[in-house]
Amino acid sequence: MSVLLEKLSSKKNFSDTEQVIANYVMENYHDLLNCSTRQLAKKTFTSSAAIVRFSQKLGFEGYTEFKTKFLAEMMQKKSEPYEKNITSADDVNMIIEKVKNIELRAIKNTQEKINPSQFIRAMNYIKSADYIDFYAMNNNLGIANLAAESFIVAHKYSSVHSSISSQYLNALNSPKNHLAFIISRTGENRMLIDIAKVLDKKSVPIVLITSDKNSTLTNFSKVIFTVETAEEMEELGPRVFLTGAKYVIDVLYALLMTRIDYSGSKIKTEWLQKNFFY
């Protein structure tokens, strides 16, 4: 779900009047194309001024700009296949197309949730750290391993431990010159929260990749990357999150690689050939 649609759905920090407007446009978006400010005010029993203020609160100059963006995103949402539409009746070609759209949407929506300044802040912590530790469990361990391997290629010493006991011991022994990456879809994993508490007491900064910007783990994190997820999709939901998490890691890896000070491409090639086998 896009940032705009997420705001309209959650109605967080909306006044009673704003909630009425949000509910109406979400439920009656198909009638909004030719609906003027005055007409929408009449339908929602509000005022034209309230409609304009509502649009500005969402970051637009006025109602027309809001309506254009909102309708475009609603049309895209309705036209794209959802994970739950993948059924046993689908043939191979249909599943290929649907999974492609799921992953493309996960990356697009993740990009919309993240501000470039978050990458800049994360890069500042990465550059300052002598060592980077990754903490994750279950499916997220795959992304943690990929991230650690990528960062090593970019000349940043990194590690990840598969067992939670090893991760906990690693946190206990982490000095201040370490940086911790925690990957948690819900942000509420009790073991990872305990690890975050340990790291916080040791003044080790944390970069968090999660789907919930209001989770417990965010309270201990210096930088928070909120990525797309689909919790209602039992099978593909976690994979939507993994797609978004991998996108964040790939951007950070690309940023790191562009900042390596090689004296020439030959040195880079020799270093890679010496340390890695493809």
C-alpha atoms as a PDB file:
ATOM      1  CA  MET A   1       0.000   0.000   0.000  1.00  0.00           C
ATOM      2  CA  SER A   2       1.299   3.466  -0.896  1.00  0.00           C
ATOM      3  CA  VAL A   3       2.092   6.063   1.779  1.00  0.00           C
ATOM      4  CA  LEU A   4      -0.939   8.161   0.804  1.00  0.00           C
ATOM      5  CA  LEU A   5      -3.358   5.239   0.900  1.00  0.00           C
ATOM      6  CA  GLU A   6      -1.836   4.048   4.149  1.00  0.00           C
ATOM      7  CA  LYS A   7      -2.430   7.460   5.743  1.00  0.00           C
ATOM      8  CA  LEU A   8      -6.034   7.491   4.525  1.00  0.00           C
ATOM      9  CA  SER A   9      -6.638   3.968   5.785  1.00  0.00           C
ATOM     10  CA  SER A  10      -5.061   4.433   9.215  1.00  0.00           C
ATOM     11  CA  LYS A  11      -6.491   7.968   9.730  1.00  0.00           C
ATOM     12  CA  LYS A  12      -3.807   8.513  12.361  1.00  0.00           C
ATOM     13  CA  ASN A  13      -3.967  11.992  13.919  1.00  0.00           C
ATOM     14  CA  PHE A  14      -7.079  12.800  11.870  1.00  0.00           C
ATOM     15  CA  SER A  15      -9.794  14.965  13.391  1.00  0.00           C
ATOM     16  CA  ASP A  16     -13.398  13.753  13.329  1.00  0.00           C
ATOM     17  CA  THR A  17     -14.046  15.827  10.207  1.00  0.00           C
ATOM     18  CA  GLU A  18     -10.931  14.503   8.477  1.00  0.00           C
ATOM     19  CA  GLN A  19     -11.933  10.928   9.293  1.00  0.00           C
ATOM     20  CA  VAL A  20     -15.312  11.496   7.646  1.00  0.00           C
ATOM     21  CA  ILE A  21     -13.637  12.835   4.489  1.00  0.00           C
ATOM     22  CA  ALA A  22     -11.089  10.007   4.432  1.00  0.00           C
ATOM     23  CA  ASN A  23     -13.785   7.358   4.802  1.00  0.00           C
ATOM     24  CA  TYR A  24     -15.842   8.887   2.007  1.00  0.00           C
ATOM     25  CA  VAL A  25     -13.038   9.171  -0.565  1.00  0.00           C
ATOM     26  CA  MET A  26     -11.807   5.630   0.146  1.00  0.00           C
ATOM     27  CA  GLU A  27     -15.289   4.147  -0.198  1.00  0.00           C
ATOM     28  CA  ASN A  28     -16.434   6.314  -3.124  1.00  0.00           C
ATOM     29  CA  TYR A  29     -13.246   6.911  -5.096  1.00  0.00           C
ATOM     30  CA  HIS A  30     -15.002   5.937  -8.361  1.00  0.00           C
ATOM     31  CA  ASP A  31     -17.282   9.004  -8.006  1.00  0.00           C
ATOM     32  CA  LEU A  32     -14.444  11.408  -7.243  1.00  0.00           C
ATOM     33  CA  LEU A  33     -13.190  12.121 -10.771  1.00  0.00           C
ATOM     34  CA  ASN A  34     -15.751  14.836 -11.555  1.00  0.00           C
ATOM     35  CA  CYS A  35     -16.400  15.802  -7.945  1.00  0.00           C
ATOM     36  CA  SER A  36     -15.483  19.411  -7.142  1.00  0.00           C
ATOM     37  CA  THR A  37     -14.397  20.737  -3.762  1.00  0.00           C
ATOM     38  CA  ARG A  38     -17.888  22.097  -3.149  1.00  0.00           C
ATOM     39  CA  GLN A  39     -19.566  18.828  -4.188  1.00  0.00           C
ATOM     40  CA  LEU A  40     -17.299  16.747  -1.952  1.00  0.00           C
ATOM     41  CA  ALA A  41     -17.986  19.096   0.947  1.00  0.00           C
ATOM     42  CA  LYS A  42     -21.716  18.630   0.395  1.00  0.00           C
ATOM     43  CA  LYS A  43     -21.413  14.826   0.230  1.00  0.00           C
ATOM     44  CA  THR A  44     -19.368  14.708   3.447  1.00  0.00           C
ATOM     45  CA  PHE A  45     -21.432  17.366   5.271  1.00  0.00           C
ATOM     46  CA  THR A  46     -18.291  19.473   5.720  1.00  0.00           C
ATOM     47  CA  SER A  47     -17.067  22.651   3.989  1.00  0.00           C
ATOM     48  CA  SER A  48     -14.868  23.557   1.030  1.00  0.00           C
ATOM     49  CA  ALA A  49     -12.306  24.979   3.447  1.00  0.00           C
ATOM     50  CA  ALA A  50     -12.248  21.668   5.332  1.00  0.00           C
ATOM     51  CA  ILE A  51     -11.592  19.776   2.080  1.00  0.00           C
ATOM     52  CA  VAL A  52      -8.675  22.085   1.221  1.00  0.00           C
ATOM     53  CA  ARG A  53      -7.191  21.778   4.726  1.00  0.00           C
ATOM     54  CA  PHE A  54      -7.565  17.999   4.522  1.00  0.00           C
ATOM     55  CA  SER A  55      -5.634  17.949   1.218  1.00  0.00           C
ATOM     56  CA  GLN A  56      -2.902  20.198   2.608  1.00  0.00           C
ATOM     57  CA  LYS A  57      -2.521  18.036   5.694  1.00  0.00           C
ATOM     58  CA  LEU A  58      -1.696  15.144   3.375  1.00  0.00           C
ATOM     59  CA  GLY A  59       1.066  17.208   1.758  1.00  0.00           C
ATOM     60  CA  PHE A  60      -0.699  18.681  -1.272  1.00  0.00           C
ATOM     61  CA  GLU A  61      -1.215  22.287  -2.286  1.00  0.00           C
ATOM     62  CA  GLY A  62      -4.925  21.778  -2.675  1.00  0.00           C
ATOM     63  CA  TYR A  63      -7.803  19.425  -3.434  1.00  0.00           C
ATOM     64  CA  THR A  64      -7.092  19.085  -7.186  1.00  0.00           C
ATOM     65  CA  GLU A  65      -3.530  17.902  -6.611  1.00  0.00           C
ATOM     66  CA  PHE A  66      -4.701  15.484  -3.900  1.00  0.00           C
ATOM     67  CA  LYS A  67      -7.474  14.090  -6.098  1.00  0.00           C
ATOM     68  CA  THR A  68      -5.143  13.488  -9.038  1.00  0.00           C
ATOM     69  CA  LYS A  69      -2.591  11.603  -6.933  1.00  0.00           C
ATOM     70  CA  PHE A  70      -5.221   9.709  -4.947  1.00  0.00           C
ATOM     71  CA  LEU A  71      -7.143   8.492  -7.998  1.00  0.00           C
ATOM     72  CA  ALA A  72      -3.932   7.428  -9.754  1.00  0.00           C
ATOM     73  CA  GLU A  73      -2.888   5.321  -6.774  1.00  0.00           C
ATOM     74  CA  MET A  74      -6.357   3.840  -6.316  1.00  0.00           C
ATOM     75  CA  MET A  75      -6.481   2.845  -9.990  1.00  0.00           C
ATOM     76  CA  GLN A  76      -3.087   1.211  -9.702  1.00  0.00           C
ATOM     77  CA  LYS A  77      -4.101  -0.606  -6.532  1.00  0.00           C
ATOM     78  CA  LYS A  78      -7.269  -1.949  -8.113  1.00  0.00           C
ATOM     79  CA  SER A  79      -5.547  -3.005 -11.327  1.00  0.00           C
ATOM     80  CA  GLU A  80      -2.715  -4.922  -9.710  1.00  0.00           C
ATOM     81  CA  PRO A  81      -3.204  -8.562  -8.684  1.00  0.00           C
ATOM     82  CA  TYR A  82      -2.939  -9.259  -4.982  1.00  0.00           C
ATOM     83  CA  GLU A  83      -1.185 -12.170  -3.343  1.00  0.00           C
ATOM     84  CA  LYS A  84      -4.460 -13.694  -2.217  1.00  0.00           C
ATOM     85  CA  ASN A  85      -5.590 -13.891  -5.870  1.00  0.00           C
ATOM     86  CA  ILE A  86      -2.990 -16.574  -6.556  1.00  0.00           C
ATOM     87  CA  THR A  87      -4.988 -19.776  -6.554  1.00  0.00           C
ATOM     88  CA  SER A  88      -4.741 -23.363  -7.744  1.00  0.00           C
ATOM     89  CA  ALA A  89      -6.778 -22.288 -10.778  1.00  0.00           C
ATOM     90  CA  ASP A  90      -3.930 -20.083 -12.028  1.00  0.00           C
ATOM     91  CA  ASP A  91      -1.715 -21.464 -14.760  1.00  0.00           C
ATOM     92  CA  VAL A  92       2.068 -21.008 -14.801  1.00  0.00           C
ATOM     93  CA  ASN A  93       1.966 -17.833 -16.889  1.00  0.00           C
ATOM     94  CA  MET A  94      -0.581 -16.197 -14.583  1.00  0.00           C
ATOM     95  CA  ILE A  95       1.462 -17.018 -11.475  1.00  0.00           C
ATOM     96  CA  ILE A  96       4.649 -15.702 -13.106  1.00  0.00           C
ATOM     97  CA  GLU A  97       2.901 -12.403 -13.866  1.00  0.00           C
ATOM     98  CA  LYS A  98       1.287 -12.085 -10.450  1.00  0.00           C
ATOM     99  CA  VAL A  99       4.467 -12.792  -8.492  1.00  0.00           C
ATOM    100  CA  LYS A 100       6.328 -10.272 -10.666  1.00  0.00           C
ATOM    101  CA  ASN A 101       3.749  -7.590  -9.843  1.00  0.00           C
ATOM    102  CA  ILE A 102       3.827  -8.469  -6.147  1.00  0.00           C
ATOM    103  CA  GLU A 103       7.583  -7.966  -5.958  1.00  0.00           C
ATOM    104  CA  LEU A 104       7.574  -4.819  -8.099  1.00  0.00           C
ATOM    105  CA  ARG A 105       4.867  -3.334  -5.883  1.00  0.00           C
ATOM    106  CA  ALA A 106       6.822  -4.274  -2.749  1.00  0.00           C
ATOM    107  CA  ILE A 107       9.856  -2.342  -4.006  1.00  0.00           C
ATOM    108  CA  LYS A 108       7.784   0.634  -5.190  1.00  0.00           C
ATOM    109  CA  ASN A 109       5.874   0.930  -1.927  1.00  0.00           C
ATOM    110  CA  THR A 110       9.047   0.506   0.113  1.00  0.00           C
ATOM    111  CA  GLN A 111      10.676   3.336  -1.837  1.00  0.00           C
ATOM    112  CA  GLU A 112       7.692   5.579  -1.078  1.00  0.00           C
ATOM    113  CA  LYS A 113       7.980   4.859   2.651  1.00  0.00           C
ATOM    114  CA  ILE A 114      11.671   5.832   2.840  1.00  0.00           C
ATOM    115  CA  ASN A 115      13.226   9.281   2.743  1.00  0.00           C
ATOM    116  CA  PRO A 116      16.699   9.621   1.137  1.00  0.00           C
ATOM    117  CA  SER A 117      17.897  11.273   4.353  1.00  0.00           C
ATOM    118  CA  GLN A 118      17.511   7.893   6.082  1.00  0.00           C
ATOM    119  CA  PHE A 119      20.077   6.370   3.741  1.00  0.00           C
ATOM    120  CA  ILE A 120      22.416   9.304   4.375  1.00  0.00           C
ATOM    121  CA  ARG A 121      22.112   8.839   8.149  1.00  0.00           C
ATOM    122  CA  ALA A 122      22.636   5.080   7.860  1.00  0.00           C
ATOM    123  CA  MET A 123      25.723   5.650   5.693  1.00  0.00           C
ATOM    124  CA  ASN A 124      27.191   7.990   8.304  1.00  0.00           C
ATOM    125  CA  TYR A 125      26.859   5.255  10.936  1.00  0.00           C
ATOM    126  CA  ILE A 126      28.267   2.627   8.554  1.00  0.00           C
ATOM    127  CA  LYS A 127      31.309   4.749   7.699  1.00  0.00           C
ATOM    128  CA  SER A 128      31.970   5.452  11.384  1.00  0.00           C
ATOM    129  CA  ALA A 129      31.753   1.796  12.435  1.00  0.00           C
ATOM    130  CA  ASP A 130      34.746  -0.525  12.446  1.00  0.00           C
ATOM    131  CA  TYR A 131      32.502  -3.587  12.422  1.00  0.00           C
ATOM    132  CA  ILE A 132      28.892  -4.312  11.503  1.00  0.00           C
ATOM    133  CA  ASP A 133      26.784  -7.026  13.159  1.00  0.00           C
ATOM    134  CA  PHE A 134      23.505  -8.304  11.742  1.00  0.00           C
ATOM    135  CA  TYR A 135      20.750  -9.651  13.985  1.00  0.00           C
ATOM    136  CA  ALA A 136      17.787 -11.559  12.560  1.00  0.00           C
ATOM    137  CA  MET A 137      15.773 -14.751  12.920  1.00  0.00           C
ATOM    138  CA  ASN A 138      14.108 -17.340  10.689  1.00  0.00           C
ATOM    139  CA  ASN A 139      13.493 -16.140   7.108  1.00  0.00           C
ATOM    140  CA  ASN A 140      15.220 -12.840   7.799  1.00  0.00           C
ATOM    141  CA  LEU A 141      18.544 -14.619   8.322  1.00  0.00           C
ATOM    142  CA  GLY A 142      18.833 -15.005   4.554  1.00  0.00           C
ATOM    143  CA  ILE A 143      18.730 -11.250   4.059  1.00  0.00           C
ATOM    144  CA  ALA A 144      21.141 -10.753   6.978  1.00  0.00           C
ATOM    145  CA  ASN A 145      23.652 -13.153   5.394  1.00  0.00           C
ATOM    146  CA  LEU A 146      23.302 -11.459   2.020  1.00  0.00           C
ATOM    147  CA  ALA A 147      23.825  -8.056   3.659  1.00  0.00           C
ATOM    148  CA  ALA A 148      26.914  -9.196   5.570  1.00  0.00           C
ATOM    149  CA  GLU A 149      28.470 -10.708   2.449  1.00  0.00           C
ATOM    150  CA  SER A 150      27.683  -7.566   0.430  1.00  0.00           C
ATOM    151  CA  PHE A 151      29.173  -5.251   3.034  1.00  0.00           C
ATOM    152  CA  ILE A 152      32.345  -7.353   3.167  1.00  0.00           C
ATOM    153  CA  VAL A 153      32.729  -6.900  -0.584  1.00  0.00           C
ATOM    154  CA  ALA A 154      32.386  -3.151   0.065  1.00  0.00           C
ATOM    155  CA  HIS A 155      35.279  -3.342   2.566  1.00  0.00           C
ATOM    156  CA  LYS A 156      33.160  -3.249   5.738  1.00  0.00           C
ATOM    157  CA  TYR A 157      33.857  -6.051   8.206  1.00  0.00           C
ATOM    158  CA  SER A 158      30.517  -7.732   8.912  1.00  0.00           C
ATOM    159  CA  SER A 159      29.112 -10.839  10.545  1.00  0.00           C
ATOM    160  CA  VAL A 160      25.868 -12.649  11.282  1.00  0.00           C
ATOM    161  CA  HIS A 161      25.253 -15.603  13.600  1.00  0.00           C
ATOM    162  CA  SER A 162      22.539 -18.137  12.869  1.00  0.00           C
ATOM    163  CA  SER A 163      21.661 -19.048  16.452  1.00  0.00           C
ATOM    164  CA  ILE A 164      19.947 -16.576  18.745  1.00  0.00           C
ATOM    165  CA  SER A 165      22.286 -17.524  21.627  1.00  0.00           C
ATOM    166  CA  SER A 166      25.317 -16.618  19.495  1.00  0.00           C
ATOM    167  CA  GLN A 167      23.659 -13.345  18.530  1.00  0.00           C
ATOM    168  CA  TYR A 168      22.974 -12.557  22.178  1.00  0.00           C
ATOM    169  CA  LEU A 169      26.577 -13.313  23.177  1.00  0.00           C
ATOM    170  CA  ASN A 170      27.812 -11.198  20.277  1.00  0.00           C
ATOM    171  CA  ALA A 171      25.698  -8.276  21.507  1.00  0.00           C
ATOM    172  CA  LEU A 172      27.097  -8.661  25.020  1.00  0.00           C
ATOM    173  CA  ASN A 173      30.640  -8.395  23.655  1.00  0.00           C
ATOM    174  CA  SER A 174      30.046  -5.581  21.165  1.00  0.00           C
ATOM    175  CA  PRO A 175      32.198  -2.473  21.725  1.00  0.00           C
ATOM    176  CA  LYS A 176      31.066   1.038  20.855  1.00  0.00           C
ATOM    177  CA  ASN A 177      32.824   0.987  17.492  1.00  0.00           C
ATOM    178  CA  HIS A 178      30.354  -1.643  16.251  1.00  0.00           C
ATOM    179  CA  LEU A 179      27.115  -0.943  14.373  1.00  0.00           C
ATOM    180  CA  ALA A 180      24.108  -3.246  14.654  1.00  0.00           C
ATOM    181  CA  PHE A 181      21.568  -3.981  11.935  1.00  0.00           C
ATOM    182  CA  ILE A 182      18.370  -5.620  13.191  1.00  0.00           C
ATOM    183  CA  ILE A 183      15.934  -7.123  10.676  1.00  0.00           C
ATOM    184  CA  SER A 184      12.486  -7.843  12.095  1.00  0.00           C
ATOM    185  CA  ARG A 185       9.228  -7.769  10.138  1.00  0.00           C
ATOM    186  CA  THR A 186       7.000  -7.118  13.159  1.00  0.00           C
ATOM    187  CA  GLY A 187       9.539  -5.299  15.302  1.00  0.00           C
ATOM    188  CA  GLU A 188       8.168  -7.225  18.279  1.00  0.00           C
ATOM    189  CA  ASN A 189      10.381 -10.324  18.467  1.00  0.00           C
ATOM    190  CA  ARG A 190      11.104 -10.703  22.180  1.00  0.00           C
ATOM    191  CA  MET A 191      14.610 -12.094  21.717  1.00  0.00           C
ATOM    192  CA  LEU A 192      15.621  -9.335  19.332  1.00  0.00           C
ATOM    193  CA  ILE A 193      14.164  -6.774  21.740  1.00  0.00           C
ATOM    194  CA  ASP A 194      16.377  -8.202  24.499  1.00  0.00           C
ATOM    195  CA  ILE A 195      19.379  -7.930  22.180  1.00  0.00           C
ATOM    196  CA  ALA A 196      18.439  -4.338  21.343  1.00  0.00           C
ATOM    197  CA  LYS A 197      18.306  -3.497  25.062  1.00  0.00           C
ATOM    198  CA  VAL A 198      21.801  -4.922  25.535  1.00  0.00           C
ATOM    199  CA  LEU A 199      23.136  -2.962  22.563  1.00  0.00           C
ATOM    200  CA  ASP A 200      21.461   0.214  23.793  1.00  0.00           C
ATOM    201  CA  LYS A 201      23.132  -0.092  27.207  1.00  0.00           C
ATOM    202  CA  LYS A 202      26.482  -0.563  25.492  1.00  0.00           C
ATOM    203  CA  SER A 203      25.865   2.539  23.316  1.00  0.00           C
ATOM    204  CA  VAL A 204      26.009   0.517  20.099  1.00  0.00           C
ATOM    205  CA  PRO A 205      23.851   2.300  17.465  1.00  0.00           C
ATOM    206  CA  ILE A 206      21.118   0.268  15.782  1.00  0.00           C
ATOM    207  CA  VAL A 207      19.773   0.446  12.230  1.00  0.00           C
ATOM    208  CA  LEU A 208      16.381  -1.256  12.036  1.00  0.00           C
ATOM    209  CA  ILE A 209      14.646  -2.763   9.007  1.00  0.00           C
ATOM    210  CA  THR A 210      10.993  -3.469   9.852  1.00  0.00           C
ATOM    211  CA  SER A 211       7.449  -3.112   8.567  1.00  0.00           C
ATOM    212  CA  ASP A 212       6.075  -1.299  11.615  1.00  0.00           C
ATOM    213  CA  LYS A 213       7.470   2.156  12.330  1.00  0.00           C
ATOM    214  CA  ASN A 214       5.745   2.156  15.724  1.00  0.00           C
ATOM    215  CA  SER A 215       7.055  -1.192  16.980  1.00  0.00           C
ATOM    216  CA  THR A 216       9.010  -1.734  20.207  1.00  0.00           C
ATOM    217  CA  LEU A 217      12.323  -2.123  18.382  1.00  0.00           C
ATOM    218  CA  THR A 218      12.030   1.375  16.913  1.00  0.00           C
ATOM    219  CA  ASN A 219      12.518   2.784  20.425  1.00  0.00           C
ATOM    220  CA  PHE A 220      16.127   1.560  20.422  1.00  0.00           C
ATOM    221  CA  SER A 221      17.028   2.448  16.829  1.00  0.00           C
ATOM    222  CA  LYS A 222      18.941   5.402  15.406  1.00  0.00           C
ATOM    223  CA  VAL A 223      17.768   4.800  11.826  1.00  0.00           C
ATOM    224  CA  ILE A 224      14.528   3.049  10.877  1.00  0.00           C
ATOM    225  CA  PHE A 225      13.769   1.696   7.412  1.00  0.00           C
ATOM    226  CA  THR A 226      10.052   0.888   7.152  1.00  0.00           C
ATOM    227  CA  VAL A 227       9.479  -1.532   4.272  1.00  0.00           C
ATOM    228  CA  GLU A 228       6.421  -3.037   2.637  1.00  0.00           C
ATOM    229  CA  THR A 229       4.727  -6.151   3.963  1.00  0.00           C
ATOM    230  CA  ALA A 230       1.486  -8.065   3.505  1.00  0.00           C
ATOM    231  CA  GLU A 231       0.612  -9.581   6.844  1.00  0.00           C
ATOM    232  CA  GLU A 232      -2.721 -10.953   5.660  1.00  0.00           C
ATOM    233  CA  MET A 233      -1.021 -13.176   3.062  1.00  0.00           C
ATOM    234  CA  GLU A 234       0.120 -16.220   4.997  1.00  0.00           C
ATOM    235  CA  GLU A 235       2.459 -17.618   2.369  1.00  0.00           C
ATOM    236  CA  LEU A 236       3.704 -14.568   0.452  1.00  0.00           C
ATOM    237  CA  GLY A 237       3.428 -11.938   3.187  1.00  0.00           C
ATOM    238  CA  PRO A 238       6.896 -12.551   4.685  1.00  0.00           C
ATOM    239  CA  ARG A 239       8.366 -12.656   1.177  1.00  0.00           C
ATOM    240  CA  VAL A 240       6.935  -9.230   0.410  1.00  0.00           C
ATOM    241  CA  PHE A 241       8.831  -7.954   3.441  1.00  0.00           C
ATOM    242  CA  LEU A 242      12.010  -9.750   2.348  1.00  0.00           C
ATOM    243  CA  THR A 243      11.772  -8.116  -1.076  1.00  0.00           C
ATOM    244  CA  GLY A 244      11.552  -4.679   0.537  1.00  0.00           C
ATOM    245  CA  ALA A 245      14.352  -5.469   2.998  1.00  0.00           C
ATOM    246  CA  LYS A 246      16.627  -6.663   0.184  1.00  0.00           C
ATOM    247  CA  TYR A 247      15.916  -3.433  -1.700  1.00  0.00           C
ATOM    248  CA  VAL A 248      17.140  -1.390   1.297  1.00  0.00           C
ATOM    249  CA  ILE A 249      20.287  -3.521   1.593  1.00  0.00           C
ATOM    250  CA  ASP A 250      20.961  -3.249  -2.139  1.00  0.00           C
ATOM    251  CA  VAL A 251      20.735   0.556  -2.016  1.00  0.00           C
ATOM    252  CA  LEU A 252      23.145   0.700   0.926  1.00  0.00           C
ATOM    253  CA  TYR A 253      25.512  -1.704  -0.844  1.00  0.00           C
ATOM    254  CA  ALA A 254      25.428   0.444  -3.987  1.00  0.00           C
ATOM    255  CA  LEU A 255      26.158   3.548  -1.926  1.00  0.00           C
ATOM    256  CA  LEU A 256      29.083   1.818  -0.248  1.00  0.00           C
ATOM    257  CA  MET A 257      30.566   0.586  -3.517  1.00  0.00           C
ATOM    258  CA  THR A 258      30.474   4.058  -5.056  1.00  0.00           C
ATOM    259  CA  ARG A 259      32.431   5.440  -2.129  1.00  0.00           C
ATOM    260  CA  ILE A 260      35.314   2.959  -2.121  1.00  0.00           C
ATOM    261  CA  ASP A 261      38.570   4.759  -2.825  1.00  0.00           C
ATOM    262  CA  TYR A 262      40.251   2.549  -5.418  1.00  0.00           C
ATOM    263  CA  SER A 263      43.340   3.858  -7.158  1.00  0.00           C
ATOM    264  CA  GLY A 264      42.281   1.982 -10.235  1.00  0.00           C
ATOM    265  CA  SER A 265      39.966  -0.693 -11.549  1.00  0.00           C
ATOM    266  CA  LYS A 266      42.857  -3.187 -11.581  1.00  0.00           C
ATOM    267  CA  ILE A 267      43.246  -2.991  -7.797  1.00  0.00           C
ATOM    268  CA  LYS A 268      39.512  -3.533  -7.361  1.00  0.00           C
ATOM    269  CA  THR A 269      39.540  -6.569  -9.642  1.00  0.00           C
ATOM    270  CA  GLU A 270      42.573  -8.063  -7.914  1.00  0.00           C
ATOM    271  CA  TRP A 271      41.026  -7.568  -4.480  1.00  0.00           C
ATOM    272  CA  LEU A 272      37.780  -9.290  -5.514  1.00  0.00           C
ATOM    273  CA  GLN A 273      39.611 -12.191  -7.172  1.00  0.00           C
ATOM    274  CA  LYS A 274      41.768 -12.696  -4.094  1.00  0.00           C
ATOM    275  CA  ASN A 275      38.934 -12.731  -1.578  1.00  0.00           C
ATOM    276  CA  PHE A 276      35.925 -14.077  -3.473  1.00  0.00           C
ATOM    277  CA  PHE A 277      35.236 -16.887  -5.912  1.00  0.00           C
ATOM    278  CA  TYR A 278      32.217 -16.667  -8.223  1.00  0.00           C
END
